[in-house]
């Protein structure tokens, strides 16, 4: 049985809508996964980010998962992690990823992601304001 990154709520199908923006002025990537996002959607989006902006691997990421209803599997995370490490080459020791979601189950995914993307840190918050406050804090 393979693990699936799913929202805790069972919802009717929603068209996937994903986007990714590299914000060089903030040294941050903002990724939105909304609706029924597939693992291929996730891999493709992160591949585009890291190919177009390899420097993004060294900086913070915010994943807006508030409307995520997809089915990203562990093997998709592994595929992205392999690409990520090829680009980051261990230079990402101060980078953090914030997962914004009301789903309490994502704290378990954050643990897996910490292992897959070491030394990048992963945190889970419920609102975009919490994400912004976390990334603006001096200790980050």
Protein backbone atom coordinates (compact mmCIF):
# COMPACT_ATOMS: atom_id res chain seq x y z
CA UNK A 1 0.00 0.00 0.00
CA UNK A 2 1.49 3.35 -0.93
CA UNK A 3 0.94 6.49 1.07
CA UNK A 4 -1.11 9.24 -0.52
CA UNK A 5 -0.92 12.91 0.36
CA UNK A 6 -4.63 13.70 0.71
CA UNK A 7 -6.77 16.25 2.38
CA UNK A 8 -8.66 14.80 5.35
CA UNK A 9 -11.97 16.00 3.95
CA UNK A 10 -13.77 13.96 1.32
CA UNK A 11 -14.89 16.38 -1.35
CA UNK A 12 -16.41 16.04 -4.80
CA UNK A 13 -13.95 16.24 -7.68
CA UNK A 14 -12.49 19.69 -8.23
CA UNK A 15 -10.58 20.68 -11.33
CA UNK A 16 -6.92 21.00 -10.52
CA UNK A 17 -5.49 24.47 -10.59
CA UNK A 18 -1.87 24.81 -9.74
CA UNK A 19 0.53 27.69 -10.03
CA UNK A 20 4.03 28.54 -9.07
CA UNK A 21 5.64 31.94 -8.80
CA UNK A 22 9.30 32.70 -8.11
CA UNK A 23 9.48 35.96 -6.13
CA UNK A 24 13.13 37.04 -6.35
CA UNK A 25 12.55 40.18 -4.28
CA UNK A 26 11.42 37.96 -1.38
CA UNK A 27 13.80 35.11 -2.29
CA UNK A 28 10.79 32.83 -2.10
CA UNK A 29 8.68 30.50 -4.23
CA UNK A 30 4.91 30.57 -3.82
CA UNK A 31 3.24 27.34 -4.94
CA UNK A 32 -0.51 26.82 -5.05
CA UNK A 33 -1.98 23.32 -5.33
CA UNK A 34 -5.75 23.55 -5.63
CA UNK A 35 -8.36 20.95 -6.48
CA UNK A 36 -7.64 17.42 -7.64
CA UNK A 37 -3.92 17.84 -8.26
CA UNK A 38 -2.21 14.68 -9.48
CA UNK A 39 1.29 13.52 -8.69
CA UNK A 40 2.26 14.30 -12.30
CA UNK A 41 0.94 17.85 -11.87
CA UNK A 42 3.08 18.25 -8.73
CA UNK A 43 6.22 16.82 -10.32
CA UNK A 44 5.76 18.94 -13.45
CA UNK A 45 5.22 22.14 -11.50
CA UNK A 46 8.31 21.66 -9.31
CA UNK A 47 10.39 20.56 -12.31
CA UNK A 48 9.43 23.80 -14.09
CA UNK A 49 10.35 25.86 -11.02
CA UNK A 50 13.73 24.22 -10.48
CA UNK A 51 14.61 24.24 -14.19
CA UNK A 52 13.68 27.89 -14.76
CA UNK A 53 14.95 29.13 -11.37
CA UNK A 54 17.52 26.74 -9.88
CA UNK A 55 18.31 29.35 -7.22
CA UNK A 56 14.84 28.67 -5.79
CA UNK A 57 16.24 25.47 -4.24
CA UNK A 58 18.29 27.62 -1.88
CA UNK A 59 15.42 29.78 -0.65
CA UNK A 60 12.06 29.51 1.11
CA UNK A 61 8.94 27.95 -0.36
CA UNK A 62 5.30 28.46 0.59
CA UNK A 63 2.83 25.77 -0.49
CA UNK A 64 -0.76 27.02 -0.40
CA UNK A 65 -2.70 23.79 0.14
CA UNK A 66 -5.87 25.31 1.54
CA UNK A 67 -7.98 24.03 -1.38
CA UNK A 68 -5.88 20.94 -2.19
CA UNK A 69 -7.88 17.78 -2.87
CA UNK A 70 -5.29 15.81 -4.82
CA UNK A 71 -3.50 12.52 -4.60
CA UNK A 72 0.25 13.12 -4.57
CA UNK A 73 1.98 9.88 -3.61
CA UNK A 74 5.27 9.17 -1.91
CA UNK A 75 6.88 8.20 -5.22
CA UNK A 76 6.09 11.67 -6.60
CA UNK A 77 7.72 13.29 -3.57
CA UNK A 78 10.78 11.07 -4.11
CA UNK A 79 11.00 12.13 -7.77
CA UNK A 80 10.93 15.81 -6.84
CA UNK A 81 13.42 15.24 -3.99
CA UNK A 82 15.91 13.65 -6.40
CA UNK A 83 15.69 16.63 -8.76
CA UNK A 84 15.81 19.05 -5.83
CA UNK A 85 19.03 17.58 -4.41
CA UNK A 86 20.64 17.66 -7.85
CA UNK A 87 20.01 21.41 -7.94
CA UNK A 88 20.53 22.32 -4.27
CA UNK A 89 23.72 20.25 -3.79
CA UNK A 90 23.57 20.70 0.01
CA UNK A 91 23.56 24.51 -0.12
CA UNK A 92 20.03 24.84 1.30
CA UNK A 93 20.73 24.56 5.03
CA UNK A 94 18.78 27.73 5.91
CA UNK A 95 15.80 27.11 3.61
CA UNK A 96 12.32 26.48 4.97
CA UNK A 97 9.11 25.27 3.37
CA UNK A 98 5.81 26.29 4.93
CA UNK A 99 2.75 24.19 4.14
CA UNK A 100 -0.43 26.25 4.53
CA UNK A 101 -3.39 23.98 5.19
CA UNK A 102 -6.21 23.52 7.68
CA UNK A 103 -5.66 19.74 7.46
CA UNK A 104 -3.95 18.51 10.67
CA UNK A 105 -2.74 15.39 8.87
CA UNK A 106 -0.10 17.37 7.00
CA UNK A 107 2.11 17.46 10.09
CA UNK A 108 2.85 13.80 9.29
CA UNK A 109 3.77 14.66 5.71
CA UNK A 110 6.05 17.41 7.02
CA UNK A 111 8.02 14.74 8.92
CA UNK A 112 8.46 12.70 5.72
CA UNK A 113 9.40 15.80 3.74
CA UNK A 114 12.07 16.74 6.30
CA UNK A 115 13.70 13.38 5.64
CA UNK A 116 13.34 13.54 1.85
CA UNK A 117 14.56 17.14 1.50
CA UNK A 118 17.14 17.31 4.33
CA UNK A 119 18.44 19.84 5.42
CA UNK A 120 15.40 21.93 4.31
CA UNK A 121 12.99 22.56 7.19
CA UNK A 122 9.23 22.03 6.91
CA UNK A 123 6.51 23.69 8.98
CA UNK A 124 2.72 23.51 8.82
CA UNK A 125 0.45 26.48 9.49
CA UNK A 126 -3.23 27.20 8.85
CA UNK A 127 -3.16 30.65 7.26
CA UNK A 128 -1.10 32.67 4.81
CA UNK A 129 -0.65 35.32 7.51
CA UNK A 130 0.98 32.71 9.77
CA UNK A 131 3.26 31.66 6.91
CA UNK A 132 4.31 35.24 6.24
CA UNK A 133 4.93 35.90 9.94
CA UNK A 134 7.02 32.73 10.22
CA UNK A 135 9.17 33.57 7.20
CA UNK A 136 9.58 37.19 8.34
CA UNK A 137 10.76 36.21 11.82
CA UNK A 138 14.46 37.01 12.42
CA UNK A 139 15.34 33.44 13.45
CA UNK A 140 14.56 32.16 9.95
